[in-house]
Amino acid sequence: MSTDGITWLKATKSADSGNCVELGVEAGQASVVYLRDSKNKQGPVLALGRSGLAAFVQGAKLGEYDDLGR
C-alpha cells in the first residue's frame, strides 16, 4: 500500500521511546483511519473505519489485549 497522501500523527507524549503507533488520514477519506508502527514506517499499514478504531481503543482501555504476545 502506498502511504503517499496520508498525513501521519504521532502522540506528543510518546517521546523517543519508539514504542508508538502513528495514526494517519488521507485527504478526502475521513471515514478511514490508518495505523502503522512508528519504528517501521515502510512496514504494514492497518486501515480501519472510525467505528472499528473506536472499538479497538475501547478494548485497549479495558485491557482486552493485555495477554497478547505472552
N, C-alpha and C. Protein backbone atom coordinates (compact mmCIF):
# COMPACT_ATOMS: atom_id res chain seq x y z
N MET A 1 0.84 -1.18 0.00
CA MET A 1 0.00 0.00 0.00
C MET A 1 0.88 1.24 0.00
N SER A 2 0.59 2.16 -0.86
CA SER A 2 1.31 3.41 -0.87
C SER A 2 0.77 4.31 0.24
N THR A 3 1.68 4.93 0.94
CA THR A 3 1.26 5.85 2.00
C THR A 3 1.38 7.30 1.55
N ASP A 4 1.62 7.50 0.27
CA ASP A 4 1.65 8.86 -0.27
C ASP A 4 0.27 9.48 -0.09
N GLY A 5 0.24 10.71 0.33
CA GLY A 5 -1.03 11.42 0.51
C GLY A 5 -1.66 11.22 1.87
N ILE A 6 -1.04 10.40 2.73
CA ILE A 6 -1.56 10.20 4.08
C ILE A 6 -0.80 11.12 5.04
N THR A 7 -1.53 11.85 5.84
CA THR A 7 -0.92 12.69 6.87
C THR A 7 -0.87 11.89 8.15
N TRP A 8 0.34 11.68 8.69
CA TRP A 8 0.55 10.85 9.87
C TRP A 8 0.70 11.70 11.12
N LEU A 9 0.14 11.22 12.22
CA LEU A 9 0.23 11.88 13.52
C LEU A 9 0.78 10.91 14.54
N LYS A 10 1.68 11.40 15.38
CA LYS A 10 2.25 10.59 16.44
C LYS A 10 1.98 11.31 17.75
N ALA A 11 1.64 10.57 18.78
CA ALA A 11 1.34 11.17 20.08
C ALA A 11 2.52 11.99 20.57
N THR A 12 2.26 13.19 21.05
CA THR A 12 3.33 14.04 21.55
C THR A 12 3.97 13.48 22.82
N LYS A 13 3.23 12.65 23.56
CA LYS A 13 3.77 12.08 24.79
C LYS A 13 4.59 10.82 24.55
N SER A 14 4.72 10.42 23.29
CA SER A 14 5.47 9.20 23.00
C SER A 14 6.97 9.40 23.16
N ALA A 15 7.43 10.63 23.14
CA ALA A 15 8.85 10.96 23.28
C ALA A 15 9.67 10.15 22.28
N ASP A 16 10.81 9.67 22.72
CA ASP A 16 11.68 8.91 21.83
C ASP A 16 11.76 7.45 22.22
N SER A 17 10.76 6.95 22.93
CA SER A 17 10.80 5.56 23.39
C SER A 17 10.72 4.57 22.22
N GLY A 18 10.10 5.00 21.12
CA GLY A 18 9.99 4.14 19.95
C GLY A 18 8.84 3.15 20.01
N ASN A 19 8.13 3.08 21.11
CA ASN A 19 7.02 2.14 21.25
C ASN A 19 5.71 2.85 20.93
N CYS A 20 5.54 3.20 19.68
CA CYS A 20 4.39 4.01 19.31
C CYS A 20 3.75 3.53 18.02
N VAL A 21 2.52 3.89 17.87
CA VAL A 21 1.86 3.76 16.58
C VAL A 21 1.54 5.16 16.10
N GLU A 22 1.41 5.30 14.82
CA GLU A 22 1.01 6.56 14.22
C GLU A 22 -0.36 6.37 13.59
N LEU A 23 -1.17 7.39 13.69
CA LEU A 23 -2.47 7.40 13.03
C LEU A 23 -2.36 8.29 11.81
N GLY A 24 -3.03 7.89 10.74
CA GLY A 24 -2.99 8.68 9.52
C GLY A 24 -4.35 8.81 8.89
N VAL A 25 -4.54 9.91 8.20
CA VAL A 25 -5.75 10.14 7.42
C VAL A 25 -5.34 10.63 6.04
N GLU A 26 -6.14 10.29 5.08
CA GLU A 26 -5.90 10.70 3.70
C GLU A 26 -6.91 11.77 3.33
N ALA A 27 -6.45 12.79 2.66
CA ALA A 27 -7.35 13.87 2.25
C ALA A 27 -8.54 13.30 1.49
N GLY A 28 -9.72 13.68 1.87
CA GLY A 28 -10.93 13.23 1.21
C GLY A 28 -11.44 11.87 1.66
N GLN A 29 -10.75 11.23 2.59
CA GLN A 29 -11.15 9.90 3.07
C GLN A 29 -11.28 9.90 4.59
N ALA A 30 -12.05 10.79 5.13
CA ALA A 30 -12.16 10.94 6.58
C ALA A 30 -12.77 9.73 7.27
N SER A 31 -13.40 8.82 6.53
CA SER A 31 -14.03 7.66 7.16
C SER A 31 -13.04 6.53 7.44
N VAL A 32 -11.81 6.64 6.91
CA VAL A 32 -10.79 5.62 7.10
C VAL A 32 -9.62 6.20 7.89
N VAL A 33 -9.17 5.44 8.89
CA VAL A 33 -8.01 5.83 9.69
C VAL A 33 -6.96 4.74 9.50
N TYR A 34 -5.73 5.14 9.27
CA TYR A 34 -4.62 4.21 9.05
C TYR A 34 -3.74 4.17 10.29
N LEU A 35 -3.19 3.00 10.59
CA LEU A 35 -2.26 2.84 11.71
C LEU A 35 -1.00 2.17 11.21
N ARG A 36 0.14 2.59 11.76
CA ARG A 36 1.41 1.95 11.44
C ARG A 36 2.35 2.07 12.64
N ASP A 37 3.35 1.23 12.64
CA ASP A 37 4.38 1.25 13.66
C ASP A 37 5.32 2.41 13.37
N SER A 38 5.52 3.29 14.33
CA SER A 38 6.36 4.47 14.08
C SER A 38 7.82 4.10 13.84
N LYS A 39 8.25 2.91 14.28
CA LYS A 39 9.63 2.48 14.06
C LYS A 39 9.81 1.87 12.66
N ASN A 40 8.73 1.50 12.01
CA ASN A 40 8.79 0.81 10.73
C ASN A 40 7.85 1.49 9.74
N LYS A 41 8.20 2.69 9.35
CA LYS A 41 7.31 3.49 8.51
C LYS A 41 7.04 2.88 7.13
N GLN A 42 7.92 1.98 6.68
CA GLN A 42 7.71 1.32 5.39
C GLN A 42 7.00 -0.03 5.55
N GLY A 43 6.70 -0.40 6.78
CA GLY A 43 6.07 -1.68 7.07
C GLY A 43 4.57 -1.68 6.80
N PRO A 44 3.89 -2.69 7.31
CA PRO A 44 2.46 -2.82 7.04
C PRO A 44 1.64 -1.68 7.64
N VAL A 45 0.53 -1.42 7.00
CA VAL A 45 -0.41 -0.37 7.43
C VAL A 45 -1.77 -1.03 7.62
N LEU A 46 -2.39 -0.73 8.73
CA LEU A 46 -3.73 -1.24 9.02
C LEU A 46 -4.73 -0.12 8.74
N ALA A 47 -5.77 -0.43 7.98
CA ALA A 47 -6.82 0.54 7.69
C ALA A 47 -8.09 0.15 8.43
N LEU A 48 -8.63 1.08 9.19
CA LEU A 48 -9.85 0.84 9.95
C LEU A 48 -10.86 1.94 9.70
N GLY A 49 -12.13 1.58 9.75
CA GLY A 49 -13.15 2.60 9.78
C GLY A 49 -13.13 3.27 11.15
N ARG A 50 -13.71 4.42 11.25
CA ARG A 50 -13.68 5.14 12.53
C ARG A 50 -14.35 4.35 13.65
N SER A 51 -15.41 3.62 13.36
CA SER A 51 -16.07 2.83 14.40
C SER A 51 -15.18 1.66 14.83
N GLY A 52 -14.45 1.06 13.88
CA GLY A 52 -13.51 -0.01 14.21
C GLY A 52 -12.38 0.49 15.08
N LEU A 53 -11.88 1.68 14.78
CA LEU A 53 -10.82 2.27 15.59
C LEU A 53 -11.33 2.57 16.99
N ALA A 54 -12.53 3.10 17.10
CA ALA A 54 -13.11 3.40 18.41
C ALA A 54 -13.27 2.12 19.24
N ALA A 55 -13.69 1.03 18.60
CA ALA A 55 -13.84 -0.24 19.31
C ALA A 55 -12.47 -0.77 19.76
N PHE A 56 -11.45 -0.62 18.92
CA PHE A 56 -10.10 -1.06 19.28
C PHE A 56 -9.57 -0.27 20.48
N VAL A 57 -9.72 1.04 20.44
CA VAL A 57 -9.25 1.88 21.55
C VAL A 57 -9.99 1.54 22.83
N GLN A 58 -11.29 1.36 22.75
CA GLN A 58 -12.08 1.00 23.93
C GLN A 58 -11.60 -0.34 24.50
N GLY A 59 -11.34 -1.32 23.64
CA GLY A 59 -10.83 -2.61 24.10
C GLY A 59 -9.48 -2.48 24.77
N ALA A 60 -8.61 -1.63 24.21
CA ALA A 60 -7.29 -1.41 24.82
C ALA A 60 -7.44 -0.78 26.20
N LYS A 61 -8.34 0.17 26.33
CA LYS A 61 -8.56 0.82 27.63
C LYS A 61 -9.08 -0.18 28.66
N LEU A 62 -9.85 -1.15 28.21
CA LEU A 62 -10.42 -2.15 29.12
C LEU A 62 -9.47 -3.32 29.38
N GLY A 63 -8.31 -3.31 28.73
CA GLY A 63 -7.32 -4.37 28.94
C GLY A 63 -7.59 -5.64 28.16
N GLU A 64 -8.43 -5.58 27.14
CA GLU A 64 -8.79 -6.78 26.38
C GLU A 64 -7.61 -7.39 25.63
N TYR A 65 -6.55 -6.65 25.41
CA TYR A 65 -5.41 -7.15 24.63
C TYR A 65 -4.17 -7.36 25.49
N ASP A 66 -4.32 -7.26 26.78
CA ASP A 66 -3.16 -7.33 27.68
C ASP A 66 -2.42 -8.66 27.61
N ASP A 67 -3.09 -9.73 27.25
CA ASP A 67 -2.46 -11.05 27.22
C ASP A 67 -1.89 -11.42 25.86
N LEU A 68 -2.03 -10.57 24.87
CA LEU A 68 -1.50 -10.88 23.54
C LEU A 68 0.02 -10.92 23.59
N GLY A 69 0.59 -11.87 22.93
CA GLY A 69 2.05 -11.96 22.85
C GLY A 69 2.72 -12.57 24.06
N ARG A 70 1.94 -13.07 24.98
CA ARG A 70 2.55 -13.70 26.17
C ARG A 70 2.58 -15.19 26.02
